[in-house]
C-alpha atoms as a PDB file:
ATOM      1  CA  MET A   1     -21.509  13.398 -28.592  1.00  0.00           C
ATOM      2  CA  THR A   2     -24.992  12.562 -27.235  1.00  0.00           C
ATOM      3  CA  GLY A   3     -25.037   9.442 -24.976  1.00  0.00           C
ATOM      4  CA  HIS A   4     -24.108   7.726 -22.109  1.00  0.00           C
ATOM      5  CA  HIS A   5     -20.372   9.058 -20.494  1.00  0.00           C
ATOM      6  CA  GLU A   6     -18.019   8.329 -17.696  1.00  0.00           C
ATOM      7  CA  ILE A   7     -15.325  10.347 -16.384  1.00  0.00           C
ATOM      8  CA  VAL A   8     -13.097   9.467 -14.023  1.00  0.00           C
ATOM      9  CA  ARG A   9     -10.995  11.393 -11.622  1.00  0.00           C
ATOM     10  CA  GLU A  10      -7.992   9.504  -9.725  1.00  0.00           C
ATOM     11  CA  TYR A  11      -6.497  11.204  -6.274  1.00  0.00           C
ATOM     12  CA  PRO A  12      -4.218  10.039  -3.654  1.00  0.00           C
ATOM     13  CA  ASP A  13      -6.722   9.322  -1.203  1.00  0.00           C
ATOM     14  CA  GLN A  14      -9.859   8.294  -3.726  1.00  0.00           C
ATOM     15  CA  VAL A  15     -11.159   7.723  -7.272  1.00  0.00           C
ATOM     16  CA  ILE A  16     -14.307   9.743  -8.681  1.00  0.00           C
ATOM     17  CA  THR A  17     -16.733   8.699 -11.660  1.00  0.00           C
ATOM     18  CA  ASP A  18     -19.354  10.287 -13.041  1.00  0.00           C
ATOM     19  CA  HIS A  19     -22.007   8.617 -15.036  1.00  0.00           C
ATOM     20  CA  PHE A  20     -24.366  10.472 -16.921  1.00  0.00           C
ATOM     21  CA  TYR A  21     -26.287  11.160 -20.321  1.00  0.00           C
ATOM     22  CA  ILE A  22     -25.571  14.033 -22.702  1.00  0.00           C
ATOM     23  CA  MET A  23     -28.840  15.186 -24.271  1.00  0.00           C
ATOM     24  CA  GLN A  24     -27.111  17.912 -26.625  1.00  0.00           C
ATOM     25  CA  HIS A  25     -24.762  20.147 -26.908  1.00  0.00           C
ATOM     26  CA  LEU A  26     -26.119  23.945 -25.961  1.00  0.00           C
ATOM     27  CA  ASP A  27     -22.655  26.284 -26.815  1.00  0.00           C
ATOM     28  CA  THR A  28     -19.645  26.913 -27.126  1.00  0.00           C
ATOM     29  CA  ALA A  29     -17.406  30.231 -25.892  1.00  0.00           C
ATOM     30  CA  GLU A  30     -13.916  31.146 -25.692  1.00  0.00           C
ATOM     31  CA  ASP A  31     -12.563  33.585 -23.351  1.00  0.00           C
ATOM     32  CA  ILE A  32     -10.181  36.168 -23.541  1.00  0.00           C
ATOM     33  CA  GLU A  33      -7.346  33.941 -22.629  1.00  0.00           C
ATOM     34  CA  GLY A  34      -8.056  31.751 -25.475  1.00  0.00           C
ATOM     35  CA  ASN A  35      -9.858  28.650 -22.732  1.00  0.00           C
ATOM     36  CA  CYS A  36     -12.417  27.166 -24.631  1.00  0.00           C
ATOM     37  CA  TYR A  37     -16.161  26.019 -23.158  1.00  0.00           C
ATOM     38  CA  ASP A  38     -18.786  23.982 -23.660  1.00  0.00           C
ATOM     39  CA  TRP A  39     -22.412  23.270 -22.070  1.00  0.00           C
ATOM     40  CA  TYR A  40     -24.322  20.417 -22.311  1.00  0.00           C
ATOM     41  CA  GLU A  41     -27.675  19.613 -21.342  1.00  0.00           C
ATOM     42  CA  ILE A  42     -27.334  16.291 -19.261  1.00  0.00           C
ATOM     43  CA  ALA A  43     -29.676  13.839 -17.366  1.00  0.00           C
ATOM     44  CA  ASN A  44     -29.344  10.551 -14.978  1.00  0.00           C
ATOM     45  CA  HIS A  45     -26.157  12.287 -13.363  1.00  0.00           C
ATOM     46  CA  TYR A  46     -24.995  10.043 -10.826  1.00  0.00           C
ATOM     47  CA  ARG A  47     -21.283   9.929  -8.908  1.00  0.00           C
ATOM     48  CA  VAL A  48     -19.490   7.127  -7.047  1.00  0.00           C
ATOM     49  CA  GLU A  49     -16.773   8.194  -4.464  1.00  0.00           C
ATOM     50  CA  ASP A  50     -14.477   4.976  -3.494  1.00  0.00           C
ATOM     51  CA  LYS A  51     -12.351   5.902  -0.535  1.00  0.00           C
ATOM     52  CA  THR A  52     -11.222   2.164  -0.658  1.00  0.00           C
ATOM     53  CA  ARG A  53      -7.949   3.840  -0.646  1.00  0.00           C
ATOM     54  CA  GLN A  54      -7.417   5.233   2.544  1.00  0.00           C
ATOM     55  CA  ILE A  55      -8.152   1.840   3.943  1.00  0.00           C
ATOM     56  CA  VAL A  56      -6.152   0.186   2.114  1.00  0.00           C
ATOM     57  CA  THR A  57      -3.479   2.359   3.026  1.00  0.00           C
ATOM     58  CA  ARG A  58      -4.726   2.501   6.843  1.00  0.00           C
ATOM     59  CA  THR A  59      -4.421  -1.497   6.440  1.00  0.00           C
ATOM     60  CA  ASP A  60      -1.352  -1.543   5.316  1.00  0.00           C
ATOM     61  CA  ILE A  61       0.081   0.545   7.615  1.00  0.00           C
ATOM     62  CA  ILE A  62      -1.470  -2.029  10.634  1.00  0.00           C
ATOM     63  CA  GLU A  63      -0.268  -5.014   9.119  1.00  0.00           C
ATOM     64  CA  GLU A  64       3.251  -3.234   8.691  1.00  0.00           C
ATOM     65  CA  THR A  65       3.063  -2.325  12.762  1.00  0.00           C
ATOM     66  CA  PHE A  66       2.120  -6.130  13.733  1.00  0.00           C
ATOM     67  CA  GLU A  67       4.445  -7.244  11.374  1.00  0.00           C
ATOM     68  CA  ASN A  68       7.070  -4.951  13.471  1.00  0.00           C
ATOM     69  CA  ALA A  69       5.892  -5.966  16.736  1.00  0.00           C
ATOM     70  CA  LEU A  70       5.395  -9.410  16.091  1.00  0.00           C
ATOM     71  CA  CYS A  71       9.389  -9.796  14.896  1.00  0.00           C
ATOM     72  CA  GLU A  72      10.115  -7.519  18.253  1.00  0.00           C
ATOM     73  CA  GLN A  73       8.628  -9.972  20.583  1.00  0.00           C
ATOM     74  CA  ASP A  74       9.813 -12.662  18.922  1.00  0.00           C
ATOM     75  CA  THR A  75      13.748 -11.494  19.225  1.00  0.00           C
ATOM     76  CA  MET A  76      12.814 -10.967  23.030  1.00  0.00           C
ATOM     77  CA  TYR A  77      11.725 -14.405  23.471  1.00  0.00           C
ATOM     78  CA  ASP A  78      15.061 -15.584  21.556  1.00  0.00           C
ATOM     79  CA  GLU A  79      16.853 -13.457  24.269  1.00  0.00           C
ATOM     80  CA  ARG A  80      15.006 -14.749  27.385  1.00  0.00           C
ATOM     81  CA  ILE A  81      15.139 -18.258  25.899  1.00  0.00           C
ATOM     82  CA  GLY A  82      18.913 -17.625  25.394  1.00  0.00           C
ATOM     83  CA  LEU A  83      19.683 -16.463  28.878  1.00  0.00           C
ATOM     84  CA  ILE A  84      17.402 -19.603  30.084  1.00  0.00           C
ATOM     85  CA  GLU A  85      19.646 -21.907  28.251  1.00  0.00           C
ATOM     86  CA  ASP A  86      22.622 -20.306  29.598  1.00  0.00           C
ATOM     87  CA  ALA A  87      21.358 -20.192  33.288  1.00  0.00           C
ATOM     88  CA  ILE A  88      20.384 -24.019  32.917  1.00  0.00           C
ATOM     89  CA  CYS A  89      24.050 -24.651  31.351  1.00  0.00           C
ATOM     90  CA  GLU A  90      25.505 -22.770  34.166  1.00  0.00           C
ATOM     91  CA  LEU A  91      23.666 -24.857  36.858  1.00  0.00           C
ATOM     92  CA  ASP A  92      24.515 -27.867  34.754  1.00  0.00           C
ATOM     93  CA  GLU A  93      27.933 -26.899  35.591  1.00  0.00           C
ATOM     94  CA  ARG A  94      27.635 -26.186  39.865  1.00  0.00           C
ATOM     95  CA  ILE A  95      26.259 -29.769  39.992  1.00  0.00           C
ATOM     96  CA  GLY A  96      28.544 -31.514  38.016  1.00  0.00           C
ATOM     97  CA  GLU A  97      31.093 -30.075  40.174  1.00  0.00           C
END
């Protein structure tokens, strides 16, 4: 089992990746509950924590909020244009009388 290895753990807010080189297997033991444990000598361990999921989630929320605000603004604009058109029509009718 010697050589380069990678362990990836995914969580809702991040992905943690551990890279390491196993030099040798040192020992194996079992506890009274039957769980097995192995010990290794490792070298060149480094960890990468990718927290971009948080950024993507926040970006999605901001984008949705922005789209909703624009839709509301469009709706209010349409209502105002409708009121202006109605007012112009009423003016035309009065002028035409």
